[in-house]
Amino acid sequence: MADPMPEIKRIAIKSIARKALGWPARLLFPPVCAGCRRHVSQPGVLCGACWPKLRLLERPWCPVMGTPFTHNMGEGFLSAEAIADPPPFERARAAVAYSGVARQMVQGLKYQDRTDLAPWM
């Protein structure tokens, strides 16, 4: 059986090198909020001001279009849009409403080449 120590040493060296080379990058490119670009503690997070502005979608919603309803219409109730113009897909769903911070983030990815926002999508 092969000795595992060389592999362990290689992993440890990579970890140390990553940490040693990471601080200059964080100094030159400090982490910013994905929504408003304020400085934050770590990359890929929203600041305390932007997080509450995300409107998380909760039930009830249209099972086809994912459109949120203001009242519970019962199981299987479809939105007017899904009935009038049935989509070519079976189901769509979003986690947050496309407004405010979420809209800025989507548009930043699409139109401003903010690829740092891709993990959020």
PDB file of N, CA and C in Angstrom:
ATOM      1  N   MET A   1       0.841  -1.178   0.000  1.00  0.00           N
ATOM      2  CA  MET A   1       0.000   0.000   0.000  1.00  0.00           C
ATOM      3  C   MET A   1       0.889   1.246   0.000  1.00  0.00           C
ATOM      4  N   ALA A   2       0.476   2.243  -0.751  1.00  0.00           N
ATOM      5  CA  ALA A   2       1.267   3.465  -0.892  1.00  0.00           C
ATOM      6  C   ALA A   2       1.203   4.303   0.380  1.00  0.00           C
ATOM      7  N   ASP A   3       2.279   5.011   0.623  1.00  0.00           N
ATOM      8  CA  ASP A   3       2.371   5.876   1.796  1.00  0.00           C
ATOM      9  C   ASP A   3       1.508   7.126   1.571  1.00  0.00           C
ATOM     10  N   PRO A   4       0.544   7.436   2.460  1.00  0.00           N
ATOM     11  CA  PRO A   4      -0.335   8.595   2.268  1.00  0.00           C
ATOM     12  C   PRO A   4       0.325   9.930   2.622  1.00  0.00           C
ATOM     13  N   MET A   5       1.482   9.912   3.240  1.00  0.00           N
ATOM     14  CA  MET A   5       2.119  11.150   3.696  1.00  0.00           C
ATOM     15  C   MET A   5       2.437  12.127   2.560  1.00  0.00           C
ATOM     16  N   PRO A   6       2.959  11.686   1.410  1.00  0.00           N
ATOM     17  CA  PRO A   6       3.221  12.664   0.344  1.00  0.00           C
ATOM     18  C   PRO A   6       1.951  13.403  -0.093  1.00  0.00           C
ATOM     19  N   GLU A   7       0.841  12.705  -0.161  1.00  0.00           N
ATOM     20  CA  GLU A   7      -0.424  13.342  -0.551  1.00  0.00           C
ATOM     21  C   GLU A   7      -0.873  14.345   0.506  1.00  0.00           C
ATOM     22  N   ILE A   8      -0.743  13.991   1.761  1.00  0.00           N
ATOM     23  CA  ILE A   8      -1.120  14.885   2.859  1.00  0.00           C
ATOM     24  C   ILE A   8      -0.248  16.137   2.839  1.00  0.00           C
ATOM     25  N   LYS A   9       1.048  15.953   2.599  1.00  0.00           N
ATOM     26  CA  LYS A   9       1.961  17.096   2.533  1.00  0.00           C
ATOM     27  C   LYS A   9       1.608  18.003   1.358  1.00  0.00           C
ATOM     28  N   ARG A  10       1.277  17.403   0.226  1.00  0.00           N
ATOM     29  CA  ARG A  10       0.917  18.183  -0.960  1.00  0.00           C
ATOM     30  C   ARG A  10      -0.332  19.025  -0.692  1.00  0.00           C
ATOM     31  N   ILE A  11      -1.319  18.442  -0.049  1.00  0.00           N
ATOM     32  CA  ILE A  11      -2.550  19.163   0.278  1.00  0.00           C
ATOM     33  C   ILE A  11      -2.258  20.295   1.261  1.00  0.00           C
ATOM     34  N   ALA A  12      -1.420  20.035   2.247  1.00  0.00           N
ATOM     35  CA  ALA A  12      -1.070  21.055   3.239  1.00  0.00           C
ATOM     36  C   ALA A  12      -0.328  22.215   2.583  1.00  0.00           C
ATOM     37  N   ILE A  13       0.583  21.910   1.675  1.00  0.00           N
ATOM     38  CA  ILE A  13       1.342  22.959   0.985  1.00  0.00           C
ATOM     39  C   ILE A  13       0.407  23.807   0.124  1.00  0.00           C
ATOM     40  N   LYS A  14      -0.537  23.166  -0.562  1.00  0.00           N
ATOM     41  CA  LYS A  14      -1.496  23.916  -1.381  1.00  0.00           C
ATOM     42  C   LYS A  14      -2.341  24.840  -0.511  1.00  0.00           C
ATOM     43  N   SER A  15      -2.753  24.353   0.641  1.00  0.00           N
ATOM     44  CA  SER A  15      -3.573  25.158   1.546  1.00  0.00           C
ATOM     45  C   SER A  15      -2.796  26.371   2.053  1.00  0.00           C
ATOM     46  N   ILE A  16      -1.558  26.154   2.430  1.00  0.00           N
ATOM     47  CA  ILE A  16      -0.719  27.254   2.923  1.00  0.00           C
ATOM     48  C   ILE A  16      -0.464  28.264   1.806  1.00  0.00           C
ATOM     49  N   ALA A  17      -0.186  27.771   0.611  1.00  0.00           N
ATOM     50  CA  ALA A  17       0.066  28.665  -0.521  1.00  0.00           C
ATOM     51  C   ALA A  17      -1.179  29.483  -0.854  1.00  0.00           C
ATOM     52  N   ARG A  18      -2.335  28.848  -0.811  1.00  0.00           N
ATOM     53  CA  ARG A  18      -3.581  29.557  -1.107  1.00  0.00           C
ATOM     54  C   ARG A  18      -3.812  30.682  -0.100  1.00  0.00           C
ATOM     55  N   LYS A  19      -3.554  30.397   1.170  1.00  0.00           N
ATOM     56  CA  LYS A  19      -3.731  31.426   2.199  1.00  0.00           C
ATOM     57  C   LYS A  19      -2.706  32.547   2.035  1.00  0.00           C
ATOM     58  N   ALA A  20      -1.472  32.182   1.726  1.00  0.00           N
ATOM     59  CA  ALA A  20      -0.411  33.180   1.583  1.00  0.00           C
ATOM     60  C   ALA A  20      -0.657  34.083   0.379  1.00  0.00           C
ATOM     61  N   LEU A  21      -1.179  33.525  -0.683  1.00  0.00           N
ATOM     62  CA  LEU A  21      -1.429  34.322  -1.883  1.00  0.00           C
ATOM     63  C   LEU A  21      -2.795  34.997  -1.850  1.00  0.00           C
ATOM     64  N   GLY A  22      -3.653  34.583  -0.941  1.00  0.00           N
ATOM     65  CA  GLY A  22      -5.001  35.132  -0.881  1.00  0.00           C
ATOM     66  C   GLY A  22      -5.074  36.516  -0.279  1.00  0.00           C
ATOM     67  N   TRP A  23      -4.226  36.815   0.699  1.00  0.00           N
ATOM     68  CA  TRP A  23      -4.339  38.120   1.359  1.00  0.00           C
ATOM     69  C   TRP A  23      -4.011  39.284   0.434  1.00  0.00           C
ATOM     70  N   PRO A  24      -3.013  39.178  -0.477  1.00  0.00           N
ATOM     71  CA  PRO A  24      -2.813  40.323  -1.379  1.00  0.00           C
ATOM     72  C   PRO A  24      -4.027  40.560  -2.282  1.00  0.00           C
ATOM     73  N   ALA A  25      -4.647  39.488  -2.715  1.00  0.00           N
ATOM     74  CA  ALA A  25      -5.831  39.643  -3.567  1.00  0.00           C
ATOM     75  C   ALA A  25      -6.961  40.313  -2.796  1.00  0.00           C
ATOM     76  N   ARG A  26      -7.149  39.923  -1.538  1.00  0.00           N
ATOM     77  CA  ARG A  26      -8.206  40.547  -0.733  1.00  0.00           C
ATOM     78  C   ARG A  26      -7.879  41.998  -0.420  1.00  0.00           C
ATOM     79  N   LEU A  27      -6.596  42.312  -0.354  1.00  0.00           N
ATOM     80  CA  LEU A  27      -6.189  43.695  -0.107  1.00  0.00           C
ATOM     81  C   LEU A  27      -6.455  44.552  -1.348  1.00  0.00           C
ATOM     82  N   LEU A  28      -6.130  44.008  -2.514  1.00  0.00           N
ATOM     83  CA  LEU A  28      -6.339  44.740  -3.764  1.00  0.00           C
ATOM     84  C   LEU A  28      -7.800  44.742  -4.200  1.00  0.00           C
ATOM     85  N   PHE A  29      -8.489  43.634  -3.942  1.00  0.00           N
ATOM     86  CA  PHE A  29      -9.887  43.481  -4.345  1.00  0.00           C
ATOM     87  C   PHE A  29     -10.705  43.056  -3.132  1.00  0.00           C
ATOM     88  N   PRO A  30     -11.016  43.987  -2.247  1.00  0.00           N
ATOM     89  CA  PRO A  30     -11.750  43.610  -1.036  1.00  0.00           C
ATOM     90  C   PRO A  30     -13.150  43.104  -1.383  1.00  0.00           C
ATOM     91  N   PRO A  31     -13.674  42.201  -0.571  1.00  0.00           N
ATOM     92  CA  PRO A  31     -15.017  41.676  -0.855  1.00  0.00           C
ATOM     93  C   PRO A  31     -16.070  42.770  -0.704  1.00  0.00           C
ATOM     94  N   VAL A  32     -17.015  42.767  -1.631  1.00  0.00           N
ATOM     95  CA  VAL A  32     -18.085  43.763  -1.612  1.00  0.00           C
ATOM     96  C   VAL A  32     -19.439  43.067  -1.641  1.00  0.00           C
ATOM     97  N   CYS A  33     -20.439  43.771  -1.182  1.00  0.00           N
ATOM     98  CA  CYS A  33     -21.812  43.272  -1.181  1.00  0.00           C
ATOM     99  C   CYS A  33     -22.251  43.014  -2.620  1.00  0.00           C
ATOM    100  N   ALA A  34     -22.916  41.905  -2.834  1.00  0.00           N
ATOM    101  CA  ALA A  34     -23.387  41.560  -4.175  1.00  0.00           C
ATOM    102  C   ALA A  34     -24.489  42.499  -4.650  1.00  0.00           C
ATOM    103  N   GLY A  35     -25.125  43.210  -3.723  1.00  0.00           N
ATOM    104  CA  GLY A  35     -26.211  44.101  -4.098  1.00  0.00           C
ATOM    105  C   GLY A  35     -25.799  45.548  -4.281  1.00  0.00           C
ATOM    106  N   CYS A  36     -25.069  46.100  -3.300  1.00  0.00           N
ATOM    107  CA  CYS A  36     -24.789  47.542  -3.329  1.00  0.00           C
ATOM    108  C   CYS A  36     -23.305  47.888  -3.429  1.00  0.00           C
ATOM    109  N   ARG A  37     -22.448  46.889  -3.393  1.00  0.00           N
ATOM    110  CA  ARG A  37     -20.994  47.065  -3.517  1.00  0.00           C
ATOM    111  C   ARG A  37     -20.339  47.685  -2.286  1.00  0.00           C
ATOM    112  N   ARG A  38     -21.020  47.684  -1.134  1.00  0.00           N
ATOM    113  CA  ARG A  38     -20.365  48.109   0.111  1.00  0.00           C
ATOM    114  C   ARG A  38     -19.388  47.024   0.532  1.00  0.00           C
ATOM    115  N   HIS A  39     -18.394  47.405   1.304  1.00  0.00           N
ATOM    116  CA  HIS A  39     -17.430  46.422   1.796  1.00  0.00           C
ATOM    117  C   HIS A  39     -18.109  45.485   2.791  1.00  0.00           C
ATOM    118  N   VAL A  40     -17.809  44.195   2.650  1.00  0.00           N
ATOM    119  CA  VAL A  40     -18.343  43.166   3.549  1.00  0.00           C
ATOM    120  C   VAL A  40     -17.193  42.297   4.039  1.00  0.00           C
ATOM    121  N   SER A  41     -17.485  41.405   4.968  1.00  0.00           N
ATOM    122  CA  SER A  41     -16.438  40.601   5.592  1.00  0.00           C
ATOM    123  C   SER A  41     -15.906  39.480   4.708  1.00  0.00           C
ATOM    124  N   GLN A  42     -16.740  38.961   3.820  1.00  0.00           N
ATOM    125  CA  GLN A  42     -16.291  37.869   2.958  1.00  0.00           C
ATOM    126  C   GLN A  42     -16.955  37.978   1.593  1.00  0.00           C
ATOM    127  N   PRO A  43     -16.321  37.421   0.577  1.00  0.00           N
ATOM    128  CA  PRO A  43     -16.885  37.532  -0.770  1.00  0.00           C
ATOM    129  C   PRO A  43     -18.166  36.721  -0.931  1.00  0.00           C
ATOM    130  N   GLY A  44     -19.037  37.200  -1.806  1.00  0.00           N
ATOM    131  CA  GLY A  44     -20.234  36.455  -2.153  1.00  0.00           C
ATOM    132  C   GLY A  44     -21.382  36.575  -1.172  1.00  0.00           C
ATOM    133  N   VAL A  45     -21.422  37.648  -0.392  1.00  0.00           N
ATOM    134  CA  VAL A  45     -22.514  37.823   0.567  1.00  0.00           C
ATOM    135  C   VAL A  45     -23.189  39.174   0.345  1.00  0.00           C
ATOM    136  N   LEU A  46     -24.374  39.299   0.908  1.00  0.00           N
ATOM    137  CA  LEU A  46     -25.077  40.578   0.908  1.00  0.00           C
ATOM    138  C   LEU A  46     -24.833  41.271   2.239  1.00  0.00           C
ATOM    139  N   CYS A  47     -24.820  42.584   2.218  1.00  0.00           N
ATOM    140  CA  CYS A  47     -24.637  43.337   3.458  1.00  0.00           C
ATOM    141  C   CYS A  47     -25.941  43.319   4.263  1.00  0.00           C
ATOM    142  N   GLY A  48     -25.863  43.807   5.468  1.00  0.00           N
ATOM    143  CA  GLY A  48     -27.028  43.832   6.341  1.00  0.00           C
ATOM    144  C   GLY A  48     -28.145  44.723   5.835  1.00  0.00           C
ATOM    145  N   ALA A  49     -27.827  45.689   4.992  1.00  0.00           N
ATOM    146  CA  ALA A  49     -28.859  46.571   4.445  1.00  0.00           C
ATOM    147  C   ALA A  49     -29.566  45.938   3.243  1.00  0.00           C
ATOM    148  N   CYS A  50     -28.861  45.127   2.470  1.00  0.00           N
ATOM    149  CA  CYS A  50     -29.453  44.542   1.258  1.00  0.00           C
ATOM    150  C   CYS A  50     -30.229  43.252   1.532  1.00  0.00           C
ATOM    151  N   TRP A  51     -29.777  42.454   2.480  1.00  0.00           N
ATOM    152  CA  TRP A  51     -30.429  41.164   2.722  1.00  0.00           C
ATOM    153  C   TRP A  51     -31.923  41.303   3.018  1.00  0.00           C
ATOM    154  N   PRO A  52     -32.344  42.229   3.893  1.00  0.00           N
ATOM    155  CA  PRO A  52     -33.784  42.343   4.163  1.00  0.00           C
ATOM    156  C   PRO A  52     -34.590  42.848   2.967  1.00  0.00           C
ATOM    157  N   LYS A  53     -33.919  43.416   1.981  1.00  0.00           N
ATOM    158  CA  LYS A  53     -34.622  43.925   0.805  1.00  0.00           C
ATOM    159  C   LYS A  53     -34.981  42.825  -0.190  1.00  0.00           C
ATOM    160  N   LEU A  54     -34.393  41.639  -0.030  1.00  0.00           N
ATOM    161  CA  LEU A  54     -34.776  40.516  -0.880  1.00  0.00           C
ATOM    162  C   LEU A  54     -36.156  40.032  -0.448  1.00  0.00           C
ATOM    163  N   ARG A  55     -37.055  39.912  -1.400  1.00  0.00           N
ATOM    164  CA  ARG A  55     -38.395  39.410  -1.077  1.00  0.00           C
ATOM    165  C   ARG A  55     -38.452  37.934  -1.451  1.00  0.00           C
ATOM    166  N   LEU A  56     -38.275  37.082  -0.445  1.00  0.00           N
ATOM    167  CA  LEU A  56     -38.320  35.643  -0.680  1.00  0.00           C
ATOM    168  C   LEU A  56     -39.752  35.232  -0.984  1.00  0.00           C
ATOM    169  N   LEU A  57     -39.924  34.436  -2.024  1.00  0.00           N
ATOM    170  CA  LEU A  57     -41.263  34.006  -2.421  1.00  0.00           C
ATOM    171  C   LEU A  57     -41.682  32.784  -1.610  1.00  0.00           C
ATOM    172  N   GLU A  58     -42.864  32.861  -1.077  1.00  0.00           N
ATOM    173  CA  GLU A  58     -43.412  31.765  -0.281  1.00  0.00           C
ATOM    174  C   GLU A  58     -44.768  31.374  -0.839  1.00  0.00           C
ATOM    175  N   ARG A  59     -45.226  30.207  -0.457  1.00  0.00           N
ATOM    176  CA  ARG A  59     -46.557  29.771  -0.881  1.00  0.00           C
ATOM    177  C   ARG A  59     -47.598  30.755  -0.393  1.00  0.00           C
ATOM    178  N   PRO A  60     -48.660  30.919  -1.079  1.00  0.00           N
ATOM    179  CA  PRO A  60     -49.128  30.209  -2.269  1.00  0.00           C
ATOM    180  C   PRO A  60     -48.601  30.839  -3.558  1.00  0.00           C
ATOM    181  N   TRP A  61     -48.390  29.999  -4.553  1.00  0.00           N
ATOM    182  CA  TRP A  61     -47.981  30.463  -5.872  1.00  0.00           C
ATOM    183  C   TRP A  61     -48.576  29.552  -6.930  1.00  0.00           C
ATOM    184  N   CYS A  62     -48.578  30.038  -8.153  1.00  0.00           N
ATOM    185  CA  CYS A  62     -49.084  29.250  -9.281  1.00  0.00           C
ATOM    186  C   CYS A  62     -48.129  28.078  -9.506  1.00  0.00           C
ATOM    187  N   PRO A  63     -48.644  26.849  -9.567  1.00  0.00           N
ATOM    188  CA  PRO A  63     -47.753  25.701  -9.742  1.00  0.00           C
ATOM    189  C   PRO A  63     -47.079  25.640 -11.113  1.00  0.00           C
ATOM    190  N   VAL A  64     -47.572  26.397 -12.082  1.00  0.00           N
ATOM    191  CA  VAL A  64     -46.964  26.388 -13.415  1.00  0.00           C
ATOM    192  C   VAL A  64     -46.005  27.563 -13.587  1.00  0.00           C
ATOM    193  N   MET A  65     -46.489  28.767 -13.355  1.00  0.00           N
ATOM    194  CA  MET A  65     -45.685  29.970 -13.598  1.00  0.00           C
ATOM    195  C   MET A  65     -44.856  30.403 -12.387  1.00  0.00           C
ATOM    196  N   GLY A  66     -45.216  29.957 -11.215  1.00  0.00           N
ATOM    197  CA  GLY A  66     -44.511  30.372 -10.008  1.00  0.00           C
ATOM    198  C   GLY A  66     -44.916  31.749  -9.524  1.00  0.00           C
ATOM    199  N   THR A  67     -45.925  32.330 -10.131  1.00  0.00           N
ATOM    200  CA  THR A  67     -46.400  33.662  -9.746  1.00  0.00           C
ATOM    201  C   THR A  67     -47.013  33.605  -8.349  1.00  0.00           C
ATOM    202  N   PRO A  68     -46.569  34.472  -7.445  1.00  0.00           N
ATOM    203  CA  PRO A  68     -47.136  34.421  -6.089  1.00  0.00           C
ATOM    204  C   PRO A  68     -48.571  34.945  -6.060  1.00  0.00           C
ATOM    205  N   PHE A  69     -49.395  34.313  -5.242  1.00  0.00           N
ATOM    206  CA  PHE A  69     -50.769  34.759  -5.009  1.00  0.00           C
ATOM    207  C   PHE A  69     -50.825  35.488  -3.679  1.00  0.00           C
ATOM    208  N   THR A  70     -51.762  36.411  -3.560  1.00  0.00           N
ATOM    209  CA  THR A  70     -51.932  37.116  -2.289  1.00  0.00           C
ATOM    210  C   THR A  70     -52.716  36.273  -1.289  1.00  0.00           C
ATOM    211  N   HIS A  71     -53.562  35.377  -1.795  1.00  0.00           N
ATOM    212  CA  HIS A  71     -54.372  34.514  -0.934  1.00  0.00           C
ATOM    213  C   HIS A  71     -54.224  33.070  -1.400  1.00  0.00           C
ATOM    214  N   ASN A  72     -54.450  32.147  -0.503  1.00  0.00           N
ATOM    215  CA  ASN A  72     -54.407  30.737  -0.860  1.00  0.00           C
ATOM    216  C   ASN A  72     -55.670  30.395  -1.638  1.00  0.00           C
ATOM    217  N   MET A  73     -55.499  30.042  -2.897  1.00  0.00           N
ATOM    218  CA  MET A  73     -56.629  29.747  -3.773  1.00  0.00           C
ATOM    219  C   MET A  73     -56.972  28.262  -3.798  1.00  0.00           C
ATOM    220  N   GLY A  74     -56.215  27.475  -3.104  1.00  0.00           N
ATOM    221  CA  GLY A  74     -56.452  26.039  -3.102  1.00  0.00           C
ATOM    222  C   GLY A  74     -55.426  25.310  -3.948  1.00  0.00           C
ATOM    223  N   GLU A  75     -55.338  24.030  -3.739  1.00  0.00           N
ATOM    224  CA  GLU A  75     -54.371  23.187  -4.443  1.00  0.00           C
ATOM    225  C   GLU A  75     -54.644  23.168  -5.944  1.00  0.00           C
ATOM    226  N   GLY A  76     -53.603  23.383  -6.741  1.00  0.00           N
ATOM    227  CA  GLY A  76     -53.714  23.278  -8.194  1.00  0.00           C
ATOM    228  C   GLY A  76     -54.307  24.488  -8.888  1.00  0.00           C
ATOM    229  N   PHE A  77     -54.573  25.567  -8.177  1.00  0.00           N
ATOM    230  CA  PHE A  77     -55.133  26.770  -8.786  1.00  0.00           C
ATOM    231  C   PHE A  77     -54.067  27.428  -9.651  1.00  0.00           C
ATOM    232  N   LEU A  78     -54.397  27.711 -10.909  1.00  0.00           N
ATOM    233  CA  LEU A  78     -53.442  28.301 -11.844  1.00  0.00           C
ATOM    234  C   LEU A  78     -53.661  29.801 -11.974  1.00  0.00           C
ATOM    235  N   SER A  79     -52.588  30.507 -12.280  1.00  0.00           N
ATOM    236  CA  SER A  79     -52.687  31.946 -12.520  1.00  0.00           C
ATOM    237  C   SER A  79     -53.385  32.183 -13.857  1.00  0.00           C
ATOM    238  N   ALA A  80     -53.910  33.385 -14.018  1.00  0.00           N
ATOM    239  CA  ALA A  80     -54.596  33.737 -15.266  1.00  0.00           C
ATOM    240  C   ALA A  80     -53.646  33.628 -16.452  1.00  0.00           C
ATOM    241  N   GLU A  81     -52.404  33.997 -16.246  1.00  0.00           N
ATOM    242  CA  GLU A  81     -51.408  33.929 -17.321  1.00  0.00           C
ATOM    243  C   GLU A  81     -51.173  32.488 -17.769  1.00  0.00           C
ATOM    244  N   ALA A  82     -51.105  31.570 -16.821  1.00  0.00           N
ATOM    245  CA  ALA A  82     -50.877  30.163 -17.154  1.00  0.00           C
ATOM    246  C   ALA A  82     -52.067  29.562 -17.893  1.00  0.00           C
ATOM    247  N   ILE A  83     -53.260  30.053 -17.596  1.00  0.00           N
ATOM    248  CA  ILE A  83     -54.461  29.547 -18.270  1.00  0.00           C
ATOM    249  C   ILE A  83     -54.594  30.167 -19.658  1.00  0.00           C
ATOM    250  N   ALA A  84     -54.415  31.483 -19.755  1.00  0.00           N
ATOM    251  CA  ALA A  84     -54.608  32.195 -21.022  1.00  0.00           C
ATOM    252  C   ALA A  84     -53.548  31.851 -22.063  1.00  0.00           C
ATOM    253  N   ASP A  85     -52.322  31.707 -21.624  1.00  0.00           N
ATOM    254  CA  ASP A  85     -51.216  31.435 -22.551  1.00  0.00           C
ATOM    255  C   ASP A  85     -50.313  30.372 -21.936  1.00  0.00           C
ATOM    256  N   PRO A  86     -50.712  29.104 -22.021  1.00  0.00           N
ATOM    257  CA  PRO A  86     -49.922  28.039 -21.382  1.00  0.00           C
ATOM    258  C   PRO A  86     -48.480  28.027 -21.899  1.00  0.00           C
ATOM    259  N   PRO A  87     -47.525  27.987 -20.990  1.00  0.00           N
ATOM    260  CA  PRO A  87     -46.118  28.015 -21.401  1.00  0.00           C
ATOM    261  C   PRO A  87     -45.675  26.662 -21.958  1.00  0.00           C
ATOM    262  N   PRO A  88     -44.555  26.646 -22.678  1.00  0.00           N
ATOM    263  CA  PRO A  88     -44.051  25.385 -23.234  1.00  0.00           C
ATOM    264  C   PRO A  88     -43.348  24.508 -22.196  1.00  0.00           C
ATOM    265  N   PHE A  89     -43.257  24.980 -20.964  1.00  0.00           N
ATOM    266  CA  PHE A  89     -42.611  24.211 -19.904  1.00  0.00           C
ATOM    267  C   PHE A  89     -43.657  23.746 -18.900  1.00  0.00           C
ATOM    268  N   GLU A  90     -43.271  22.793 -18.097  1.00  0.00           N
ATOM    269  CA  GLU A  90     -44.193  22.216 -17.124  1.00  0.00           C
ATOM    270  C   GLU A  90     -44.290  23.045 -15.850  1.00  0.00           C
ATOM    271  N   ARG A  91     -43.156  23.629 -15.446  1.00  0.00           N
ATOM    272  CA  ARG A  91     -43.131  24.333 -14.167  1.00  0.00           C
ATOM    273  C   ARG A  91     -41.977  25.327 -14.139  1.00  0.00           C
ATOM    274  N   ALA A  92     -42.213  26.487 -13.523  1.00  0.00           N
ATOM    275  CA  ALA A  92     -41.161  27.489 -13.307  1.00  0.00           C
ATOM    276  C   ALA A  92     -41.233  27.936 -11.853  1.00  0.00           C
ATOM    277  N   ARG A  93     -40.090  28.263 -11.313  1.00  0.00           N
ATOM    278  CA  ARG A  93     -40.069  28.657  -9.907  1.00  0.00           C
ATOM    279  C   ARG A  93     -38.887  29.581  -9.668  1.00  0.00           C
ATOM    280  N   ALA A  94     -39.113  30.637  -8.918  1.00  0.00           N
ATOM    281  CA  ALA A  94     -38.052  31.556  -8.515  1.00  0.00           C
ATOM    282  C   ALA A  94     -37.989  31.579  -6.993  1.00  0.00           C
ATOM    283  N   ALA A  95     -36.830  31.850  -6.460  1.00  0.00           N
ATOM    284  CA  ALA A  95     -36.662  31.914  -5.009  1.00  0.00           C
ATOM    285  C   ALA A  95     -37.019  33.292  -4.465  1.00  0.00           C
ATOM    286  N   VAL A  96     -36.756  34.324  -5.270  1.00  0.00           N
ATOM    287  CA  VAL A  96     -37.021  35.695  -4.828  1.00  0.00           C
ATOM    288  C   VAL A  96     -37.768  36.453  -5.918  1.00  0.00           C
ATOM    289  N   ALA A  97     -38.460  37.501  -5.512  1.00  0.00           N
ATOM    290  CA  ALA A  97     -39.164  38.355  -6.471  1.00  0.00           C
ATOM    291  C   ALA A  97     -38.142  39.161  -7.268  1.00  0.00           C
ATOM    292  N   TYR A  98     -38.438  39.354  -8.535  1.00  0.00           N
ATOM    293  CA  TYR A  98     -37.550  40.110  -9.413  1.00  0.00           C
ATOM    294  C   TYR A  98     -37.807  41.601  -9.213  1.00  0.00           C
ATOM    295  N   SER A  99     -37.291  42.112  -8.114  1.00  0.00           N
ATOM    296  CA  SER A  99     -37.439  43.533  -7.800  1.00  0.00           C
ATOM    297  C   SER A  99     -36.307  43.938  -6.869  1.00  0.00           C
ATOM    298  N   GLY A 100     -36.059  45.229  -6.785  1.00  0.00           N
ATOM    299  CA  GLY A 100     -35.064  45.754  -5.857  1.00  0.00           C
ATOM    300  C   GLY A 100     -33.682  45.169  -6.046  1.00  0.00           C
ATOM    301  N   VAL A 101     -33.131  44.643  -4.958  1.00  0.00           N
ATOM    302  CA  VAL A 101     -31.769  44.107  -4.961  1.00  0.00           C
ATOM    303  C   VAL A 101     -31.639  42.928  -5.921  1.00  0.00           C
ATOM    304  N   ALA A 102     -32.634  42.050  -5.938  1.00  0.00           N
ATOM    305  CA  ALA A 102     -32.575  40.885  -6.831  1.00  0.00           C
ATOM    306  C   ALA A 102     -32.512  41.332  -8.290  1.00  0.00           C
ATOM    307  N   ARG A 103     -33.290  42.322  -8.623  1.00  0.00           N
ATOM    308  CA  ARG A 103     -33.282  42.840  -9.996  1.00  0.00           C
ATOM    309  C   ARG A 103     -31.922  43.444 -10.344  1.00  0.00           C
ATOM    310  N   GLN A 104     -31.351  44.209  -9.420  1.00  0.00           N
ATOM    311  CA  GLN A 104     -30.030  44.799  -9.645  1.00  0.00           C
ATOM    312  C   GLN A 104     -28.985  43.715  -9.869  1.00  0.00           C
ATOM    313  N   MET A 105     -29.079  42.641  -9.099  1.00  0.00           N
ATOM    314  CA  MET A 105     -28.101  41.563  -9.223  1.00  0.00           C
ATOM    315  C   MET A 105     -28.235  40.847 -10.564  1.00  0.00           C
ATOM    316  N   VAL A 106     -29.455  40.554 -10.978  1.00  0.00           N
ATOM    317  CA  VAL A 106     -29.669  39.884 -12.267  1.00  0.00           C
ATOM    318  C   VAL A 106     -29.186  40.773 -13.406  1.00  0.00           C
ATOM    319  N   GLN A 107     -29.533  42.040 -13.348  1.00  0.00           N
ATOM    320  CA  GLN A 107     -29.102  42.950 -14.408  1.00  0.00           C
ATOM    321  C   GLN A 107     -27.591  43.164 -14.388  1.00  0.00           C
ATOM    322  N   GLY A 108     -26.997  43.134 -13.209  1.00  0.00           N
ATOM    323  CA  GLY A 108     -25.542  43.239 -13.126  1.00  0.00           C
ATOM    324  C   GLY A 108     -24.857  42.065 -13.808  1.00  0.00           C
ATOM    325  N   LEU A 109     -25.401  40.875 -13.607  1.00  0.00           N
ATOM    326  CA  LEU A 109     -24.840  39.689 -14.263  1.00  0.00           C
ATOM    327  C   LEU A 109     -25.045  39.758 -15.771  1.00  0.00           C
ATOM    328  N   LYS A 110     -26.241  40.142 -16.184  1.00  0.00           N
ATOM    329  CA  LYS A 110     -26.565  40.141 -17.610  1.00  0.00           C
ATOM    330  C   LYS A 110     -25.894  41.267 -18.388  1.00  0.00           C
ATOM    331  N   TYR A 111     -25.919  42.473 -17.847  1.00  0.00           N
ATOM    332  CA  TYR A 111     -25.527  43.637 -18.640  1.00  0.00           C
ATOM    333  C   TYR A 111     -24.218  44.298 -18.218  1.00  0.00           C
ATOM    334  N   GLN A 112     -23.737  44.007 -17.020  1.00  0.00           N
ATOM    335  CA  GLN A 112     -22.529  44.673 -16.541  1.00  0.00           C
ATOM    336  C   GLN A 112     -21.364  43.710 -16.353  1.00  0.00           C
ATOM    337  N   ASP A 113     -21.506  42.498 -16.851  1.00  0.00           N
ATOM    338  CA  ASP A 113     -20.437  41.499 -16.790  1.00  0.00           C
ATOM    339  C   ASP A 113     -19.990  41.215 -15.357  1.00  0.00           C
ATOM    340  N   ARG A 114     -20.938  41.227 -14.423  1.00  0.00           N
ATOM    341  CA  ARG A 114     -20.623  40.937 -13.023  1.00  0.00           C
ATOM    342  C   ARG A 114     -20.714  39.426 -12.798  1.00  0.00           C
ATOM    343  N   THR A 115     -19.727  38.713 -13.297  1.00  0.00           N
ATOM    344  CA  THR A 115     -19.733  37.254 -13.179  1.00  0.00           C
ATOM    345  C   THR A 115     -19.597  36.789 -11.734  1.00  0.00           C
ATOM    346  N   ASP A 116     -19.199  37.690 -10.835  1.00  0.00           N
ATOM    347  CA  ASP A 116     -19.131  37.330  -9.421  1.00  0.00           C
ATOM    348  C   ASP A 116     -20.519  37.044  -8.852  1.00  0.00           C
ATOM    349  N   LEU A 117     -21.561  37.466  -9.559  1.00  0.00           N
ATOM    350  CA  LEU A 117     -22.929  37.237  -9.101  1.00  0.00           C
ATOM    351  C   LEU A 117     -23.484  35.884  -9.551  1.00  0.00           C
ATOM    352  N   ALA A 118     -22.785  35.198 -10.423  1.00  0.00           N
ATOM    353  CA  ALA A 118     -23.283  33.931 -10.962  1.00  0.00           C
ATOM    354  C   ALA A 118     -23.612  32.896  -9.881  1.00  0.00           C
ATOM    355  N   PRO A 119     -22.822  32.745  -8.824  1.00  0.00           N
ATOM    356  CA  PRO A 119     -23.193  31.750  -7.805  1.00  0.00           C
ATOM    357  C   PRO A 119     -24.543  32.024  -7.145  1.00  0.00           C
ATOM    358  N   TRP A 120     -24.986  33.266  -7.148  1.00  0.00           N
ATOM    359  CA  TRP A 120     -26.289  33.593  -6.565  1.00  0.00           C
ATOM    360  C   TRP A 120     -27.430  33.115  -7.441  1.00  0.00           C
ATOM    361  N   MET A 121     -27.164  32.940  -8.716  1.00  0.00           N
ATOM    362  CA  MET A 121     -28.248  32.630  -9.650  1.00  0.00           C
ATOM    363  C   MET A 121     -28.528  31.172  -9.671  1.00  0.00           C
TER     364      MET A 121
END
